[in-house]
Protein backbone atom coordinates (compact mmCIF):
# COMPACT_ATOMS: atom_id res chain seq x y z
CA MET A 1 98.17 80.05 123.44
CA GLN A 2 96.72 82.70 125.57
CA ASP A 3 96.65 85.95 124.16
CA HIS A 4 94.75 88.17 126.99
CA ARG A 5 97.55 90.35 127.39
CA VAL A 6 97.61 93.88 126.17
CA GLY A 7 101.03 95.18 124.61
CA VAL A 8 101.98 99.01 124.38
CA ILE A 9 105.09 99.85 122.30
CA GLY A 10 106.14 103.87 122.44
CA GLY A 11 108.17 105.60 124.77
CA SER A 12 109.91 104.36 128.07
CA GLY A 13 107.68 106.83 130.22
CA LEU A 14 104.02 105.32 129.23
CA TYR A 15 104.06 102.45 131.50
CA GLU A 16 103.66 105.22 134.34
CA LEU A 17 99.82 104.87 133.96
CA GLU A 18 97.74 105.60 136.83
CA GLY A 19 97.29 102.39 138.96
CA PHE A 20 99.45 100.07 137.26
CA GLU A 21 101.70 97.99 139.01
CA VAL A 22 104.99 96.80 137.67
CA ARG A 23 105.65 92.90 138.63
CA GLU A 24 108.56 92.60 136.40
CA ARG A 25 111.49 93.76 133.79
CA ARG A 26 111.91 90.84 131.70
CA SER A 27 114.88 90.55 129.09
CA VAL A 28 113.93 88.47 126.12
CA THR A 29 115.54 86.26 123.54
CA THR A 30 114.18 85.97 120.29
CA PRO A 31 115.35 84.03 116.86
CA PHE A 32 115.44 87.56 115.64
CA GLY A 33 117.84 88.56 118.47
CA GLN A 34 117.07 91.15 121.15
CA PRO A 35 114.21 93.20 121.50
CA SER A 36 114.67 97.43 122.13
CA ASP A 37 115.12 96.71 125.77
CA GLU A 38 113.66 94.97 128.48
CA LEU A 39 109.77 94.24 128.57
CA VAL A 40 108.09 95.70 131.33
CA LEU A 41 105.28 93.33 132.76
CA GLY A 42 102.61 94.43 135.28
CA THR A 43 99.06 94.71 135.94
CA LEU A 44 96.27 97.27 135.72
CA GLU A 45 93.33 96.69 137.82
CA GLY A 46 93.41 92.69 137.09
CA ARG A 47 94.33 93.18 133.29
CA GLU A 48 98.06 92.17 132.22
CA ILE A 49 100.08 94.53 130.20
CA ILE A 50 103.40 94.55 128.86
CA PHE A 51 105.32 97.40 127.65
CA LEU A 52 108.28 97.97 125.45
CA PRO A 53 110.14 101.16 124.61
CA ARG A 54 110.25 101.27 120.69
CA HIS A 55 113.32 102.75 120.56
CA GLY A 56 114.93 101.61 123.87
CA ARG A 57 115.64 103.54 126.75
CA GLY A 58 117.70 106.53 125.92
CA HIS A 59 116.45 106.38 122.51
CA ARG A 60 119.35 104.48 121.61
CA TYR A 61 117.74 103.04 118.13
CA SER A 62 117.24 105.03 115.19
CA PRO A 63 114.01 104.04 113.12
CA THR A 64 116.03 101.84 111.02
CA GLU A 65 117.64 99.96 114.05
CA VAL A 66 114.72 99.21 115.72
CA PRO A 67 114.68 95.28 116.17
CA TYR A 68 110.65 95.24 114.89
CA ARG A 69 111.06 91.55 114.57
CA ALA A 70 112.58 90.75 117.84
CA ASN A 71 109.95 93.11 119.32
CA LEU A 72 106.75 91.59 117.99
CA PHE A 73 107.89 88.23 118.14
CA ALA A 74 108.65 88.73 122.15
CA MET A 75 105.18 90.47 122.39
CA LYS A 76 103.56 87.11 120.86
CA ALA A 77 105.75 84.89 122.80
CA LEU A 78 104.52 86.51 126.18
CA GLY A 79 100.76 86.28 124.98
CA VAL A 80 100.11 89.52 123.70
CA GLY A 81 96.82 89.74 121.44
CA ARG A 82 96.56 93.21 121.37
CA LEU A 83 99.06 95.78 120.69
CA ILE A 84 98.84 99.54 121.05
CA SER A 85 101.17 101.62 119.28
CA VAL A 86 102.09 104.89 120.53
CA SER A 87 103.99 107.43 117.88
CA ALA A 88 105.07 110.72 117.18
CA VAL A 89 104.15 112.13 113.65
CA GLY A 90 103.82 114.92 111.31
CA SER A 91 100.62 116.28 110.15
CA MET A 92 100.11 116.31 106.38
CA LYS A 93 96.73 118.01 106.66
CA GLU A 94 95.62 121.67 107.72
CA ASP A 95 93.15 120.54 110.00
CA ILE A 96 95.48 117.84 111.89
CA GLN A 97 96.79 120.56 114.21
CA PRO A 98 100.17 119.85 116.34
CA GLY A 99 99.08 118.26 119.70
CA HIS A 100 95.84 116.45 117.92
CA LEU A 101 95.75 112.71 117.75
CA VAL A 102 95.38 110.80 114.86
CA LEU A 103 93.85 107.15 114.71
CA PRO A 104 95.14 105.82 111.32
CA ASP A 105 93.55 103.01 109.39
CA GLN A 106 95.61 102.57 106.23
CA PHE A 107 99.67 102.98 105.82
CA ILE A 108 101.93 103.60 102.70
CA ASP A 109 105.35 101.99 103.35
CA ARG A 110 108.35 103.95 102.01
CA THR A 111 110.99 102.31 104.03
CA VAL A 112 113.73 100.56 102.10
CA ALA A 113 115.94 98.97 104.48
CA ARG A 114 113.93 96.96 107.35
CA PRO A 115 113.16 93.35 107.53
CA ARG A 116 109.46 93.05 106.80
CA THR A 117 108.39 89.40 107.72
CA PHE A 118 109.08 86.84 109.79
CA PHE A 119 108.68 84.30 106.88
CA GLU A 120 112.05 83.03 105.73
CA HIS A 121 114.23 80.52 105.77
CA GLY A 122 112.15 77.56 104.03
CA ILE A 123 108.64 79.20 104.90
CA VAL A 124 106.28 81.22 103.04
CA ALA A 125 103.37 83.06 103.97
CA HIS A 126 101.19 85.66 102.47
CA VAL A 127 99.06 87.27 105.10
CA PRO A 128 96.15 89.79 103.95
CA LEU A 129 96.96 93.18 104.67
CA ALA A 130 94.21 95.46 103.06
CA ASP A 131 93.02 96.67 106.43
CA PRO A 132 96.23 96.97 108.45
CA VAL A 133 94.61 98.20 111.74
CA CYS A 134 92.13 96.35 113.71
CA ALA A 135 89.10 97.85 113.71
CA ASP A 136 87.92 96.71 116.83
CA LEU A 137 91.09 97.69 119.04
CA ARG A 138 90.75 101.30 117.15
CA GLY A 139 87.21 101.79 118.00
CA VAL A 140 88.17 101.10 121.39
CA LEU A 141 90.88 103.71 121.36
CA ARG A 142 88.58 106.12 119.59
CA ASP A 143 85.72 105.86 122.18
CA SER A 144 88.68 106.15 125.11
CA ALA A 145 90.04 109.47 123.25
CA ASP A 146 86.35 110.91 122.88
CA ARG A 147 85.77 110.00 126.80
CA GLU A 148 88.80 111.98 128.03
CA GLY A 149 87.93 115.17 125.68
CA VAL A 150 91.05 114.51 123.44
CA THR A 151 91.00 115.89 120.16
CA ARG A 152 91.15 112.84 117.76
CA HIS A 153 91.02 112.57 113.62
CA ASP A 154 89.30 109.11 112.95
CA GLY A 155 91.05 107.01 110.23
CA GLY A 156 93.62 108.53 107.96
CA THR A 157 96.66 107.22 105.92
CA TYR A 158 100.22 106.87 107.76
CA VAL A 159 103.19 107.01 105.29
CA CYS A 160 106.28 105.74 106.71
CA ILE A 161 109.40 107.10 106.04
CA GLU A 162 113.21 105.39 106.31
CA GLY A 163 114.61 108.05 108.25
CA PRO A 164 115.88 109.20 110.23
CA GLN A 165 116.14 112.43 108.30
CA PHE A 166 112.93 114.13 108.11
CA SER A 167 111.91 114.97 104.91
CA THR A 168 112.75 117.45 102.34
CA ARG A 169 110.09 119.89 101.25
CA ALA A 170 109.68 118.57 97.72
CA GLU A 171 108.87 114.76 99.45
CA SER A 172 106.81 116.87 101.93
CA LYS A 173 104.69 117.94 99.32
CA VAL A 174 104.40 115.06 97.20
CA PHE A 175 102.99 112.97 100.19
CA ARG A 176 100.76 115.55 100.07
CA SER A 177 99.42 115.11 97.08
CA TRP A 178 98.57 111.69 97.96
CA GLY A 179 96.23 112.29 100.88
CA VAL A 180 97.71 111.06 103.43
CA SER A 181 97.11 112.08 106.78
CA VAL A 182 100.30 112.06 108.94
CA ILE A 183 103.66 111.06 108.31
CA GLY A 184 106.26 108.84 110.56
CA MET A 185 109.17 106.49 110.47
CA THR A 186 108.29 103.28 112.65
CA ASN A 187 104.84 101.65 112.20
CA LEU A 188 106.17 99.71 109.34
CA PRO A 189 107.18 96.76 109.24
CA GLU A 190 105.47 96.97 113.00
CA ALA A 191 101.98 96.57 111.80
CA ARG A 192 103.02 94.05 108.79
CA LEU A 193 104.47 91.88 111.67
CA ALA A 194 101.62 92.31 114.02
CA ARG A 195 99.27 90.62 111.52
CA GLU A 196 101.73 88.05 110.55
CA ALA A 197 101.98 87.50 114.61
CA GLU A 198 97.98 87.75 114.58
CA ILE A 199 97.97 90.51 117.06
CA CYS A 200 95.33 92.83 117.08
CA TYR A 201 97.29 96.51 116.09
CA SER A 202 96.12 99.83 116.19
CA THR A 203 98.08 103.11 116.51
CA LEU A 204 97.91 106.57 118.80
CA ALA A 205 99.35 108.96 116.49
CA LEU A 206 100.52 111.88 118.33
CA SER A 207 100.84 115.00 115.74
CA THR A 208 103.77 117.41 116.92
CA ASP A 209 104.32 119.43 113.97
CA TYR A 210 103.32 119.90 110.29
CA ASP A 211 106.82 118.48 108.41
CA CYS A 212 107.94 121.09 106.50
CA TRP A 213 105.54 121.81 103.54
CA HIS A 214 103.25 124.23 105.66
CA GLU A 215 103.97 127.61 104.30
CA THR A 216 103.24 129.94 107.80
CA GLU A 217 104.89 127.19 110.33
CA GLU A 218 108.36 126.40 111.10
CA ASP A 219 109.89 123.66 109.66
CA VAL A 220 109.81 120.28 111.84
CA SER A 221 112.75 120.24 114.03
CA VAL A 222 113.79 117.80 117.25
CA GLU A 223 113.32 120.37 119.42
CA ARG A 224 109.92 121.10 118.25
CA VAL A 225 108.58 117.57 118.43
CA ILE A 226 109.78 116.95 121.66
CA ALA A 227 108.02 119.87 123.39
CA VAL A 228 104.73 118.93 121.44
CA LEU A 229 105.36 115.48 122.24
CA MET A 230 105.69 115.80 125.94
CA LYS A 231 102.24 117.43 126.16
CA ASN A 232 100.86 114.90 124.32
CA VAL A 233 102.13 112.19 126.20
CA ASP A 234 99.59 112.79 129.11
CA ASN A 235 96.85 112.39 126.92
CA ALA A 236 97.92 109.22 125.43
CA LYS A 237 98.58 108.06 129.06
CA ARG A 238 95.00 108.91 130.06
CA ILE A 239 93.56 106.93 126.54
CA ILE A 240 95.80 103.89 126.90
CA ARG A 241 94.65 103.35 130.81
CA ARG A 242 90.93 103.65 129.71
CA ALA A 243 91.32 102.00 126.39
CA ILE A 244 92.88 98.99 128.32
CA LEU A 245 90.14 99.13 131.08
CA ALA A 246 87.29 98.83 128.71
CA LEU A 247 88.83 95.92 126.44
CA ASP A 248 87.35 92.44 127.39
CA VAL A 249 90.45 90.45 127.36
CA LYS A 250 88.63 87.31 128.64
CA THR A 251 86.66 86.75 125.90
CA PRO A 252 88.08 85.13 122.49
CA ARG A 253 88.89 87.52 119.68
CA THR A 254 86.69 86.99 116.25
CA CYS A 255 88.22 89.64 114.21
CA ALA A 256 90.26 88.97 111.45
CA CYS A 257 93.59 89.74 112.78
CA SER A 258 93.19 86.67 115.14
CA HIS A 259 93.44 83.82 112.60
CA ALA A 260 95.66 86.01 109.92
CA LEU A 261 97.62 83.11 109.28
CA LYS A 262 94.83 80.46 108.71
CA ASN A 263 94.94 80.02 105.02
CA ALA A 264 98.29 82.28 104.79
CA ILE A 265 100.76 79.45 104.70
CA MET A 266 102.01 78.33 101.52
CA THR A 267 104.75 75.66 102.53
CA ARG A 268 103.93 72.18 102.65
CA SER A 269 104.77 71.23 106.44
CA ASP A 270 106.87 68.69 105.37
CA ALA A 271 108.93 71.14 103.33
CA VAL A 272 109.69 73.45 106.29
CA PRO A 273 113.02 72.85 108.06
CA MET A 274 112.45 71.42 111.66
CA VAL A 275 114.80 74.16 112.75
CA THR A 276 112.48 76.89 111.19
CA LYS A 277 109.39 75.22 112.43
CA ARG A 278 110.95 75.39 115.99
CA ALA A 279 111.98 78.80 116.07
CA LEU A 280 108.55 80.19 114.70
CA ALA A 281 106.64 78.06 117.07
CA PRO A 282 104.78 80.58 118.64
CA LEU A 283 103.80 82.01 115.71
CA ILE A 284 102.59 79.02 113.64
CA GLY A 285 102.07 76.23 115.99
CA ARG A 286 98.43 76.53 115.72
CA TYR A 287 98.65 75.49 112.31
CA ILE A 288 101.76 73.22 111.18
CA SER A 289 103.54 70.70 113.89
CA VAL A 290 106.73 71.73 115.67
CA GLU A 291 107.29 68.50 116.80
CA ASP A 292 109.93 65.67 114.96
CA PRO A 293 108.39 62.61 114.12
CA GLU A 294 111.67 61.02 114.76
CA GLU A 295 112.33 61.87 117.96
CA SER A 296 108.77 60.70 118.78
């Protein structure tokens, strides 16, 4: 399967990049239901790009309700090999000011109500997730931020909470004691599923507030988040555009993300139900035959 396309998941306005030409809006049905919205397919100076608003146009899905599996499966099925996730986050460190950009390289999962794997119904896989962010893709985003003159923080831990409420003050202080950099509600299980789908994944985390731990700043609110986020979106667009143009999408990927399933599927091929094999064909077709021998 070709994986030369670049995917972007974030707000519905992110596809408004300078030079981006929309070719199609496609509705996709997956074994895990429909994605958050239609996928916007187009090109940027010859690069094929796919955009998807994570919460749907009009922000219809809460962080818990986002159909993460359908979103990632659709990206994989349409040939996405590299995925840029754009997310609003709260800062958990004094030096990460609202308006700054963070490129996390680690995650802590505090979600409790979300399916987190594609592998069920007769098939088991254990992908490595020690380094959940693709170092190659993150490096391109870092260099692109520097070239655009955007203040960024390289590396750090993103703690993902269930939401949709913001943290209590006690929770915020506990997360601070863990040494995390930012707090958000959407990057998990997104990063887990990207690894299972052998998609390179990296996050542009847009700091909008200091959560509620900071003694001299206002507590986080929707109004503050939106106000700072709108200023950050233009920076994100410029970085995404530069990063996409810098990616060598024609050369096969060599990072660990590109073959994460190679030794991860534990179930014998003949023990996997045919219906499961066919449903997961875009994910497992490199490793397990999805053809029924009785039909050949």
